[in-house]
Amino acid sequence: RASGPFHPPQSYRYLTGEDLRKVTI
């Protein structure tokens, strides 16, 4: 969450390119 909103899913969700960049950072 340090680089912006990040919400873990209740079950699952597909990740966007922006989500993947946040994970990398």
mmCIF file of all heavy atoms, coordinates in Angstrom:
data_MODEL
# 
_entry.id   MODEL 
# 
loop_
_atom_site.group_PDB 
_atom_site.id 
_atom_site.type_symbol 
_atom_site.label_atom_id 
_atom_site.label_alt_id 
_atom_site.label_comp_id 
_atom_site.label_asym_id 
_atom_site.label_entity_id 
_atom_site.label_seq_id 
_atom_site.pdbx_PDB_ins_code 
_atom_site.Cartn_x 
_atom_site.Cartn_y 
_atom_site.Cartn_z 
_atom_site.occupancy 
_atom_site.B_iso_or_equiv 
_atom_site.pdbx_formal_charge 
_atom_site.auth_seq_id 
_atom_site.auth_comp_id 
_atom_site.auth_asym_id 
_atom_site.auth_atom_id 
_atom_site.pdbx_PDB_model_num 
ATOM 1   N N   . ARG A 1 1  ? 0.807   -1.223  0.000   1.00 0.00 ? 1  ARG A N   1 
ATOM 2   C CA  . ARG A 1 1  ? 0.000   0.000   0.000   1.00 0.00 ? 1  ARG A CA  1 
ATOM 3   C C   . ARG A 1 1  ? 0.839   1.272   0.000   1.00 0.00 ? 1  ARG A C   1 
ATOM 4   O O   . ARG A 1 1  ? 0.311   2.356   -0.199  1.00 0.00 ? 1  ARG A O   1 
ATOM 5   C CB  . ARG A 1 1  ? -0.944  -0.001  1.198   1.00 0.00 ? 1  ARG A CB  1 
ATOM 6   C CG  . ARG A 1 1  ? -2.051  -1.012  1.050   1.00 0.00 ? 1  ARG A CG  1 
ATOM 7   C CD  . ARG A 1 1  ? -3.010  -0.959  2.203   1.00 0.00 ? 1  ARG A CD  1 
ATOM 8   N NE  . ARG A 1 1  ? -4.189  -1.759  1.908   1.00 0.00 ? 1  ARG A NE  1 
ATOM 9   C CZ  . ARG A 1 1  ? -5.043  -2.177  2.815   1.00 0.00 ? 1  ARG A CZ  1 
ATOM 10  N NH1 . ARG A 1 1  ? -4.863  -1.852  4.091   1.00 0.00 ? 1  ARG A NH1 1 
ATOM 11  N NH2 . ARG A 1 1  ? -6.081  -2.894  2.455   1.00 0.00 ? 1  ARG A NH2 1 
ATOM 12  N N   . ALA A 1 2  ? 2.141   1.145   0.216   1.00 0.00 ? 2  ALA A N   1 
ATOM 13  C CA  . ALA A 1 2  ? 2.997   2.331   0.317   1.00 0.00 ? 2  ALA A CA  1 
ATOM 14  C C   . ALA A 1 2  ? 3.024   3.132   -0.979  1.00 0.00 ? 2  ALA A C   1 
ATOM 15  O O   . ALA A 1 2  ? 3.190   4.349   -0.954  1.00 0.00 ? 2  ALA A O   1 
ATOM 16  C CB  . ALA A 1 2  ? 4.414   1.925   0.720   1.00 0.00 ? 2  ALA A CB  1 
ATOM 17  N N   . SER A 1 3  ? 2.834   2.473   -2.118  1.00 0.00 ? 3  SER A N   1 
ATOM 18  C CA  . SER A 1 3  ? 2.874   3.186   -3.400  1.00 0.00 ? 3  SER A CA  1 
ATOM 19  C C   . SER A 1 3  ? 1.478   3.490   -3.945  1.00 0.00 ? 3  SER A C   1 
ATOM 20  O O   . SER A 1 3  ? 1.323   3.802   -5.109  1.00 0.00 ? 3  SER A O   1 
ATOM 21  C CB  . SER A 1 3  ? 3.680   2.379   -4.418  1.00 0.00 ? 3  SER A CB  1 
ATOM 22  O OG  . SER A 1 3  ? 3.077   1.123   -4.627  1.00 0.00 ? 3  SER A OG  1 
ATOM 23  N N   . GLY A 1 4  ? 0.463   3.390   -3.091  1.00 0.00 ? 4  GLY A N   1 
ATOM 24  C CA  . GLY A 1 4  ? -0.904  3.702   -3.520  1.00 0.00 ? 4  GLY A CA  1 
ATOM 25  C C   . GLY A 1 4  ? -1.870  2.638   -3.049  1.00 0.00 ? 4  GLY A C   1 
ATOM 26  O O   . GLY A 1 4  ? -1.473  1.665   -2.421  1.00 0.00 ? 4  GLY A O   1 
ATOM 27  N N   . PRO A 1 5  ? -3.139  2.823   -3.352  1.00 0.00 ? 5  PRO A N   1 
ATOM 28  C CA  . PRO A 1 5  ? -4.151  1.868   -2.885  1.00 0.00 ? 5  PRO A CA  1 
ATOM 29  C C   . PRO A 1 5  ? -3.875  0.449   -3.386  1.00 0.00 ? 5  PRO A C   1 
ATOM 30  O O   . PRO A 1 5  ? -3.546  0.247   -4.547  1.00 0.00 ? 5  PRO A O   1 
ATOM 31  C CB  . PRO A 1 5  ? -5.458  2.393   -3.482  1.00 0.00 ? 5  PRO A CB  1 
ATOM 32  C CG  . PRO A 1 5  ? -5.188  3.803   -3.870  1.00 0.00 ? 5  PRO A CG  1 
ATOM 33  C CD  . PRO A 1 5  ? -3.720  3.906   -4.143  1.00 0.00 ? 5  PRO A CD  1 
ATOM 34  N N   . PHE A 1 6  ? -3.972  -0.482  -2.498  1.00 0.00 ? 6  PHE A N   1 
ATOM 35  C CA  . PHE A 1 6  ? -3.826  -1.890  -2.842  1.00 0.00 ? 6  PHE A CA  1 
ATOM 36  C C   . PHE A 1 6  ? -4.796  -2.645  -1.961  1.00 0.00 ? 6  PHE A C   1 
ATOM 37  O O   . PHE A 1 6  ? -4.757  -2.528  -0.746  1.00 0.00 ? 6  PHE A O   1 
ATOM 38  C CB  . PHE A 1 6  ? -2.401  -2.383  -2.604  1.00 0.00 ? 6  PHE A CB  1 
ATOM 39  C CG  . PHE A 1 6  ? -2.192  -3.797  -3.057  1.00 0.00 ? 6  PHE A CG  1 
ATOM 40  C CD1 . PHE A 1 6  ? -1.797  -4.071  -4.366  1.00 0.00 ? 6  PHE A CD1 1 
ATOM 41  C CD2 . PHE A 1 6  ? -2.414  -4.854  -2.190  1.00 0.00 ? 6  PHE A CD2 1 
ATOM 42  C CE1 . PHE A 1 6  ? -1.631  -5.377  -4.791  1.00 0.00 ? 6  PHE A CE1 1 
ATOM 43  C CE2 . PHE A 1 6  ? -2.242  -6.166  -2.612  1.00 0.00 ? 6  PHE A CE2 1 
ATOM 44  C CZ  . PHE A 1 6  ? -1.845  -6.429  -3.911  1.00 0.00 ? 6  PHE A CZ  1 
ATOM 45  N N   . HIS A 1 7  ? -5.686  -3.408  -2.583  1.00 0.00 ? 7  HIS A N   1 
ATOM 46  C CA  . HIS A 1 7  ? -6.716  -4.119  -1.829  1.00 0.00 ? 7  HIS A CA  1 
ATOM 47  C C   . HIS A 1 7  ? -6.650  -5.609  -2.124  1.00 0.00 ? 7  HIS A C   1 
ATOM 48  O O   . HIS A 1 7  ? -6.923  -6.011  -3.252  1.00 0.00 ? 7  HIS A O   1 
ATOM 49  C CB  . HIS A 1 7  ? -8.103  -3.580  -2.178  1.00 0.00 ? 7  HIS A CB  1 
ATOM 50  C CG  . HIS A 1 7  ? -8.223  -2.109  -1.956  1.00 0.00 ? 7  HIS A CG  1 
ATOM 51  N ND1 . HIS A 1 7  ? -8.315  -1.563  -0.705  1.00 0.00 ? 7  HIS A ND1 1 
ATOM 52  C CD2 . HIS A 1 7  ? -8.230  -1.071  -2.819  1.00 0.00 ? 7  HIS A CD2 1 
ATOM 53  C CE1 . HIS A 1 7  ? -8.388  -0.240  -0.807  1.00 0.00 ? 7  HIS A CE1 1 
ATOM 54  N NE2 . HIS A 1 7  ? -8.322  0.073   -2.081  1.00 0.00 ? 7  HIS A NE2 1 
ATOM 55  N N   . PRO A 1 8  ? -6.285  -6.402  -1.134  1.00 0.00 ? 8  PRO A N   1 
ATOM 56  C CA  . PRO A 1 8  ? -6.315  -7.850  -1.347  1.00 0.00 ? 8  PRO A CA  1 
ATOM 57  C C   . PRO A 1 8  ? -7.760  -8.283  -1.593  1.00 0.00 ? 8  PRO A C   1 
ATOM 58  O O   . PRO A 1 8  ? -8.683  -7.746  -0.982  1.00 0.00 ? 8  PRO A O   1 
ATOM 59  C CB  . PRO A 1 8  ? -5.797  -8.439  -0.038  1.00 0.00 ? 8  PRO A CB  1 
ATOM 60  C CG  . PRO A 1 8  ? -5.299  -7.301  0.765   1.00 0.00 ? 8  PRO A CG  1 
ATOM 61  C CD  . PRO A 1 8  ? -5.851  -6.053  0.202   1.00 0.00 ? 8  PRO A CD  1 
ATOM 62  N N   . PRO A 1 9  ? -7.958  -9.232  -2.463  1.00 0.00 ? 9  PRO A N   1 
ATOM 63  C CA  . PRO A 1 9  ? -9.326  -9.667  -2.754  1.00 0.00 ? 9  PRO A CA  1 
ATOM 64  C C   . PRO A 1 9  ? -9.897  -10.558 -1.666  1.00 0.00 ? 9  PRO A C   1 
ATOM 65  O O   . PRO A 1 9  ? -9.147  -11.169 -0.894  1.00 0.00 ? 9  PRO A O   1 
ATOM 66  C CB  . PRO A 1 9  ? -9.159  -10.450 -4.054  1.00 0.00 ? 9  PRO A CB  1 
ATOM 67  C CG  . PRO A 1 9  ? -7.784  -11.018 -3.950  1.00 0.00 ? 9  PRO A CG  1 
ATOM 68  C CD  . PRO A 1 9  ? -6.971  -9.964  -3.246  1.00 0.00 ? 9  PRO A CD  1 
ATOM 69  N N   . GLN A 1 10 ? -11.214 -10.643 -1.625  1.00 0.00 ? 10 GLN A N   1 
ATOM 70  C CA  . GLN A 1 10 ? -11.881 -11.581 -0.722  1.00 0.00 ? 10 GLN A CA  1 
ATOM 71  C C   . GLN A 1 10 ? -11.534 -13.015 -1.137  1.00 0.00 ? 10 GLN A C   1 
ATOM 72  O O   . GLN A 1 10 ? -11.273 -13.857 -0.298  1.00 0.00 ? 10 GLN A O   1 
ATOM 73  C CB  . GLN A 1 10 ? -13.394 -11.363 -0.785  1.00 0.00 ? 10 GLN A CB  1 
ATOM 74  C CG  . GLN A 1 10 ? -14.169 -12.170 0.222   1.00 0.00 ? 10 GLN A CG  1 
ATOM 75  C CD  . GLN A 1 10 ? -14.034 -11.643 1.627   1.00 0.00 ? 10 GLN A CD  1 
ATOM 76  O OE1 . GLN A 1 10 ? -13.700 -10.498 1.841   1.00 0.00 ? 10 GLN A OE1 1 
ATOM 77  N NE2 . GLN A 1 10 ? -14.273 -12.492 2.598   1.00 0.00 ? 10 GLN A NE2 1 
ATOM 78  N N   . SER A 1 11 ? -11.527 -13.276 -2.435  1.00 0.00 ? 11 SER A N   1 
ATOM 79  C CA  . SER A 1 11 ? -11.231 -14.599 -2.953  1.00 0.00 ? 11 SER A CA  1 
ATOM 80  C C   . SER A 1 11 ? -10.022 -14.547 -3.893  1.00 0.00 ? 11 SER A C   1 
ATOM 81  O O   . SER A 1 11 ? -8.955  -15.029 -3.568  1.00 0.00 ? 11 SER A O   1 
ATOM 82  C CB  . SER A 1 11 ? -12.445 -15.161 -3.690  1.00 0.00 ? 11 SER A CB  1 
ATOM 83  O OG  . SER A 1 11 ? -12.174 -16.425 -4.230  1.00 0.00 ? 11 SER A OG  1 
ATOM 84  N N   . TYR A 1 12 ? -10.217 -13.941 -5.064  1.00 0.00 ? 12 TYR A N   1 
ATOM 85  C CA  . TYR A 1 12 ? -9.127  -13.775 -6.019  1.00 0.00 ? 12 TYR A CA  1 
ATOM 86  C C   . TYR A 1 12 ? -9.464  -12.616 -6.940  1.00 0.00 ? 12 TYR A C   1 
ATOM 87  O O   . TYR A 1 12 ? -10.601 -12.166 -7.018  1.00 0.00 ? 12 TYR A O   1 
ATOM 88  C CB  . TYR A 1 12 ? -8.900  -15.054 -6.850  1.00 0.00 ? 12 TYR A CB  1 
ATOM 89  C CG  . TYR A 1 12 ? -9.943  -15.275 -7.914  1.00 0.00 ? 12 TYR A CG  1 
ATOM 90  C CD1 . TYR A 1 12 ? -9.727  -14.830 -9.219  1.00 0.00 ? 12 TYR A CD1 1 
ATOM 91  C CD2 . TYR A 1 12 ? -11.151 -15.901 -7.632  1.00 0.00 ? 12 TYR A CD2 1 
ATOM 92  C CE1 . TYR A 1 12 ? -10.692 -15.007 -10.203 1.00 0.00 ? 12 TYR A CE1 1 
ATOM 93  C CE2 . TYR A 1 12 ? -12.114 -16.077 -8.602  1.00 0.00 ? 12 TYR A CE2 1 
ATOM 94  C CZ  . TYR A 1 12 ? -11.878 -15.637 -9.884  1.00 0.00 ? 12 TYR A CZ  1 
ATOM 95  O OH  . TYR A 1 12 ? -12.830 -15.808 -10.857 1.00 0.00 ? 12 TYR A OH  1 
ATOM 96  N N   . ARG A 1 13 ? -8.438  -12.130 -7.640  1.00 0.00 ? 13 ARG A N   1 
ATOM 97  C CA  . ARG A 1 13 ? -8.657  -11.152 -8.695  1.00 0.00 ? 13 ARG A CA  1 
ATOM 98  C C   . ARG A 1 13 ? -7.479  -11.199 -9.641  1.00 0.00 ? 13 ARG A C   1 
ATOM 99  O O   . ARG A 1 13 ? -6.387  -11.648 -9.293  1.00 0.00 ? 13 ARG A O   1 
ATOM 100 C CB  . ARG A 1 13 ? -8.885  -9.744  -8.165  1.00 0.00 ? 13 ARG A CB  1 
ATOM 101 C CG  . ARG A 1 13 ? -7.689  -9.043  -7.583  1.00 0.00 ? 13 ARG A CG  1 
ATOM 102 C CD  . ARG A 1 13 ? -8.078  -7.635  -7.126  1.00 0.00 ? 13 ARG A CD  1 
ATOM 103 N NE  . ARG A 1 13 ? -7.069  -7.015  -6.325  1.00 0.00 ? 13 ARG A NE  1 
ATOM 104 C CZ  . ARG A 1 13 ? -6.138  -6.196  -6.808  1.00 0.00 ? 13 ARG A CZ  1 
ATOM 105 N NH1 . ARG A 1 13 ? -6.097  -5.910  -8.082  1.00 0.00 ? 13 ARG A NH1 1 
ATOM 106 N NH2 . ARG A 1 13 ? -5.244  -5.655  -6.007  1.00 0.00 ? 13 ARG A NH2 1 
ATOM 107 N N   . TYR A 1 14 ? -7.747  -10.735 -10.843 1.00 0.00 ? 14 TYR A N   1 
ATOM 108 C CA  . TYR A 1 14 ? -6.683  -10.660 -11.834 1.00 0.00 ? 14 TYR A CA  1 
ATOM 109 C C   . TYR A 1 14 ? -5.935  -9.361  -11.602 1.00 0.00 ? 14 TYR A C   1 
ATOM 110 O O   . TYR A 1 14 ? -6.531  -8.338  -11.273 1.00 0.00 ? 14 TYR A O   1 
ATOM 111 C CB  . TYR A 1 14 ? -7.265  -10.741 -13.248 1.00 0.00 ? 14 TYR A CB  1 
ATOM 112 C CG  . TYR A 1 14 ? -8.031  -12.028 -13.452 1.00 0.00 ? 14 TYR A CG  1 
ATOM 113 C CD1 . TYR A 1 14 ? -9.426  -12.050 -13.452 1.00 0.00 ? 14 TYR A CD1 1 
ATOM 114 C CD2 . TYR A 1 14 ? -7.360  -13.240 -13.600 1.00 0.00 ? 14 TYR A CD2 1 
ATOM 115 C CE1 . TYR A 1 14 ? -10.126 -13.233 -13.609 1.00 0.00 ? 14 TYR A CE1 1 
ATOM 116 C CE2 . TYR A 1 14 ? -8.049  -14.422 -13.752 1.00 0.00 ? 14 TYR A CE2 1 
ATOM 117 C CZ  . TYR A 1 14 ? -9.435  -14.415 -13.759 1.00 0.00 ? 14 TYR A CZ  1 
ATOM 118 O OH  . TYR A 1 14 ? -10.115 -15.589 -13.904 1.00 0.00 ? 14 TYR A OH  1 
ATOM 119 N N   . LEU A 1 15 ? -4.633  -9.390  -11.773 1.00 0.00 ? 15 LEU A N   1 
ATOM 120 C CA  . LEU A 1 15 ? -3.808  -8.217  -11.534 1.00 0.00 ? 15 LEU A CA  1 
ATOM 121 C C   . LEU A 1 15 ? -3.610  -7.420  -12.818 1.00 0.00 ? 15 LEU A C   1 
ATOM 122 O O   . LEU A 1 15 ? -3.441  -7.996  -13.890 1.00 0.00 ? 15 LEU A O   1 
ATOM 123 C CB  . LEU A 1 15 ? -2.445  -8.636  -10.984 1.00 0.00 ? 15 LEU A CB  1 
ATOM 124 C CG  . LEU A 1 15 ? -2.478  -9.282  -9.601  1.00 0.00 ? 15 LEU A CG  1 
ATOM 125 C CD1 . LEU A 1 15 ? -1.113  -9.842  -9.246  1.00 0.00 ? 15 LEU A CD1 1 
ATOM 126 C CD2 . LEU A 1 15 ? -2.935  -8.296  -8.554  1.00 0.00 ? 15 LEU A CD2 1 
ATOM 127 N N   . THR A 1 16 ? -3.613  -6.122  -12.668 1.00 0.00 ? 16 THR A N   1 
ATOM 128 C CA  . THR A 1 16 ? -3.333  -5.228  -13.784 1.00 0.00 ? 16 THR A CA  1 
ATOM 129 C C   . THR A 1 16 ? -1.827  -4.980  -13.854 1.00 0.00 ? 16 THR A C   1 
ATOM 130 O O   . THR A 1 16 ? -1.083  -5.297  -12.917 1.00 0.00 ? 16 THR A O   1 
ATOM 131 C CB  . THR A 1 16 ? -4.044  -3.873  -13.591 1.00 0.00 ? 16 THR A CB  1 
ATOM 132 O OG1 . THR A 1 16 ? -3.468  -3.224  -12.437 1.00 0.00 ? 16 THR A OG1 1 
ATOM 133 C CG2 . THR A 1 16 ? -5.545  -4.046  -13.400 1.00 0.00 ? 16 THR A CG2 1 
ATOM 134 N N   . GLY A 1 17 ? -1.387  -4.371  -14.943 1.00 0.00 ? 17 GLY A N   1 
ATOM 135 C CA  . GLY A 1 17 ? 0.017   -3.991  -15.059 1.00 0.00 ? 17 GLY A CA  1 
ATOM 136 C C   . GLY A 1 17 ? 0.440   -3.064  -13.937 1.00 0.00 ? 17 GLY A C   1 
ATOM 137 O O   . GLY A 1 17 ? 1.545   -3.185  -13.395 1.00 0.00 ? 17 GLY A O   1 
ATOM 138 N N   . GLU A 1 18 ? -0.443  -2.147  -13.551 1.00 0.00 ? 18 GLU A N   1 
ATOM 139 C CA  . GLU A 1 18 ? -0.132  -1.225  -12.448 1.00 0.00 ? 18 GLU A CA  1 
ATOM 140 C C   . GLU A 1 18 ? 0.021   -1.989  -11.132 1.00 0.00 ? 18 GLU A C   1 
ATOM 141 O O   . GLU A 1 18 ? 0.918   -1.701  -10.339 1.00 0.00 ? 18 GLU A O   1 
ATOM 142 C CB  . GLU A 1 18 ? -1.223  -0.158  -12.326 1.00 0.00 ? 18 GLU A CB  1 
ATOM 143 C CG  . GLU A 1 18 ? -0.969  0.853   -11.219 1.00 0.00 ? 18 GLU A CG  1 
ATOM 144 C CD  . GLU A 1 18 ? 0.356   1.619   -11.370 1.00 0.00 ? 18 GLU A CD  1 
ATOM 145 O OE1 . GLU A 1 18 ? 0.829   1.815   -12.512 1.00 0.00 ? 18 GLU A OE1 1 
ATOM 146 O OE2 . GLU A 1 18 ? 0.912   2.014   -10.331 1.00 0.00 ? 18 GLU A OE2 1 
ATOM 147 N N   . ASP A 1 19 ? -0.846  -2.973  -10.895 1.00 0.00 ? 19 ASP A N   1 
ATOM 148 C CA  . ASP A 1 19 ? -0.715  -3.811  -9.695  1.00 0.00 ? 19 ASP A CA  1 
ATOM 149 C C   . ASP A 1 19 ? 0.643   -4.507  -9.673  1.00 0.00 ? 19 ASP A C   1 
ATOM 150 O O   . ASP A 1 19 ? 1.307   -4.565  -8.639  1.00 0.00 ? 19 ASP A O   1 
ATOM 151 C CB  . ASP A 1 19 ? -1.799  -4.892  -9.663  1.00 0.00 ? 19 ASP A CB  1 
ATOM 152 C CG  . ASP A 1 19 ? -3.196  -4.372  -9.416  1.00 0.00 ? 19 ASP A CG  1 
ATOM 153 O OD1 . ASP A 1 19 ? -3.351  -3.339  -8.733  1.00 0.00 ? 19 ASP A OD1 1 
ATOM 154 O OD2 . ASP A 1 19 ? -4.146  -5.016  -9.907  1.00 0.00 ? 19 ASP A OD2 1 
ATOM 155 N N   . LEU A 1 20 ? 1.049   -5.034  -10.819 1.00 0.00 ? 20 LEU A N   1 
ATOM 156 C CA  . LEU A 1 20 ? 2.326   -5.744  -10.888 1.00 0.00 ? 20 LEU A CA  1 
ATOM 157 C C   . LEU A 1 20 ? 3.499   -4.812  -10.633 1.00 0.00 ? 20 LEU A C   1 
ATOM 158 O O   . LEU A 1 20 ? 4.472   -5.190  -9.985  1.00 0.00 ? 20 LEU A O   1 
ATOM 159 C CB  . LEU A 1 20 ? 2.470   -6.438  -12.239 1.00 0.00 ? 20 LEU A CB  1 
ATOM 160 C CG  . LEU A 1 20 ? 1.501   -7.604  -12.457 1.00 0.00 ? 20 LEU A CG  1 
ATOM 161 C CD1 . LEU A 1 20 ? 1.554   -8.072  -13.900 1.00 0.00 ? 20 LEU A CD1 1 
ATOM 162 C CD2 . LEU A 1 20 ? 1.801   -8.738  -11.501 1.00 0.00 ? 20 LEU A CD2 1 
ATOM 163 N N   . ARG A 1 21 ? 3.413   -3.584  -11.122 1.00 0.00 ? 21 ARG A N   1 
ATOM 164 C CA  . ARG A 1 21 ? 4.477   -2.609  -10.851 1.00 0.00 ? 21 ARG A CA  1 
ATOM 165 C C   . ARG A 1 21 ? 4.564   -2.321  -9.353  1.00 0.00 ? 21 ARG A C   1 
ATOM 166 O O   . ARG A 1 21 ? 5.647   -2.224  -8.788  1.00 0.00 ? 21 ARG A O   1 
ATOM 167 C CB  . ARG A 1 21 ? 4.249   -1.331  -11.654 1.00 0.00 ? 21 ARG A CB  1 
ATOM 168 C CG  . ARG A 1 21 ? 4.718   -1.464  -13.101 1.00 0.00 ? 21 ARG A CG  1 
ATOM 169 C CD  . ARG A 1 21 ? 4.659   -0.141  -13.837 1.00 0.00 ? 21 ARG A CD  1 
ATOM 170 N NE  . ARG A 1 21 ? 3.319   0.172   -14.326 1.00 0.00 ? 21 ARG A NE  1 
ATOM 171 C CZ  . ARG A 1 21 ? 2.739   -0.426  -15.374 1.00 0.00 ? 21 ARG A CZ  1 
ATOM 172 N NH1 . ARG A 1 21 ? 3.388   -1.364  -16.038 1.00 0.00 ? 21 ARG A NH1 1 
ATOM 173 N NH2 . ARG A 1 21 ? 1.536   -0.090  -15.763 1.00 0.00 ? 21 ARG A NH2 1 
ATOM 174 N N   . LYS A 1 22 ? 3.408   -2.198  -8.698  1.00 0.00 ? 22 LYS A N   1 
ATOM 175 C CA  . LYS A 1 22 ? 3.404   -1.949  -7.248  1.00 0.00 ? 22 LYS A CA  1 
ATOM 176 C C   . LYS A 1 22 ? 4.057   -3.109  -6.503  1.00 0.00 ? 22 LYS A C   1 
ATOM 177 O O   . LYS A 1 22 ? 4.812   -2.901  -5.550  1.00 0.00 ? 22 LYS A O   1 
ATOM 178 C CB  . LYS A 1 22 ? 1.976   -1.759  -6.747  1.00 0.00 ? 22 LYS A CB  1 
ATOM 179 C CG  . LYS A 1 22 ? 1.380   -0.427  -7.100  1.00 0.00 ? 22 LYS A CG  1 
ATOM 180 C CD  . LYS A 1 22 ? -0.028  -0.329  -6.557  1.00 0.00 ? 22 LYS A CD  1 
ATOM 181 C CE  . LYS A 1 22 ? -0.703  0.939   -7.030  1.00 0.00 ? 22 LYS A CE  1 
ATOM 182 N NZ  . LYS A 1 22 ? -2.088  1.018   -6.552  1.00 0.00 ? 22 LYS A NZ  1 
ATOM 183 N N   . VAL A 1 23 ? 3.750   -4.322  -6.928  1.00 0.00 ? 23 VAL A N   1 
ATOM 184 C CA  . VAL A 1 23 ? 4.345   -5.490  -6.280  1.00 0.00 ? 23 VAL A CA  1 
ATOM 185 C C   . VAL A 1 23 ? 5.862   -5.457  -6.456  1.00 0.00 ? 23 VAL A C   1 
ATOM 186 O O   . VAL A 1 23 ? 6.612   -5.714  -5.522  1.00 0.00 ? 23 VAL A O   1 
ATOM 187 C CB  . VAL A 1 23 ? 3.742   -6.800  -6.837  1.00 0.00 ? 23 VAL A CB  1 
ATOM 188 C CG1 . VAL A 1 23 ? 4.527   -8.007  -6.355  1.00 0.00 ? 23 VAL A CG1 1 
ATOM 189 C CG2 . VAL A 1 23 ? 2.279   -6.917  -6.437  1.00 0.00 ? 23 VAL A CG2 1 
ATOM 190 N N   . THR A 1 24 ? 6.319   -5.121  -7.642  1.00 0.00 ? 24 THR A N   1 
ATOM 191 C CA  . THR A 1 24 ? 7.758   -5.056  -7.899  1.00 0.00 ? 24 THR A CA  1 
ATOM 192 C C   . THR A 1 24 ? 8.437   -4.035  -7.006  1.00 0.00 ? 24 THR A C   1 
ATOM 193 O O   . THR A 1 24 ? 9.489   -4.298  -6.423  1.00 0.00 ? 24 THR A O   1 
ATOM 194 C CB  . THR A 1 24 ? 8.019   -4.696  -9.379  1.00 0.00 ? 24 THR A CB  1 
ATOM 195 O OG1 . THR A 1 24 ? 7.368   -5.656  -10.197 1.00 0.00 ? 24 THR A OG1 1 
ATOM 196 C CG2 . THR A 1 24 ? 9.496   -4.701  -9.685  1.00 0.00 ? 24 THR A CG2 1 
ATOM 197 N N   . ILE A 1 25 ? 7.832   -2.868  -6.872  1.00 0.00 ? 25 ILE A N   1 
ATOM 198 C CA  . ILE A 1 25 ? 8.390   -1.807  -6.026  1.00 0.00 ? 25 ILE A CA  1 
ATOM 199 C C   . ILE A 1 25 ? 8.394   -2.225  -4.559  1.00 0.00 ? 25 ILE A C   1 
ATOM 200 O O   . ILE A 1 25 ? 9.358   -2.013  -3.840  1.00 0.00 ? 25 ILE A O   1 
ATOM 201 C CB  . ILE A 1 25 ? 7.606   -0.491  -6.213  1.00 0.00 ? 25 ILE A CB  1 
ATOM 202 C CG1 . ILE A 1 25 ? 7.858   0.056   -7.624  1.00 0.00 ? 25 ILE A CG1 1 
ATOM 203 C CG2 . ILE A 1 25 ? 7.977   0.534   -5.152  1.00 0.00 ? 25 ILE A CG2 1 
ATOM 204 C CD1 . ILE A 1 25 ? 6.886   1.150   -8.039  1.00 0.00 ? 25 ILE A CD1 1 
# 
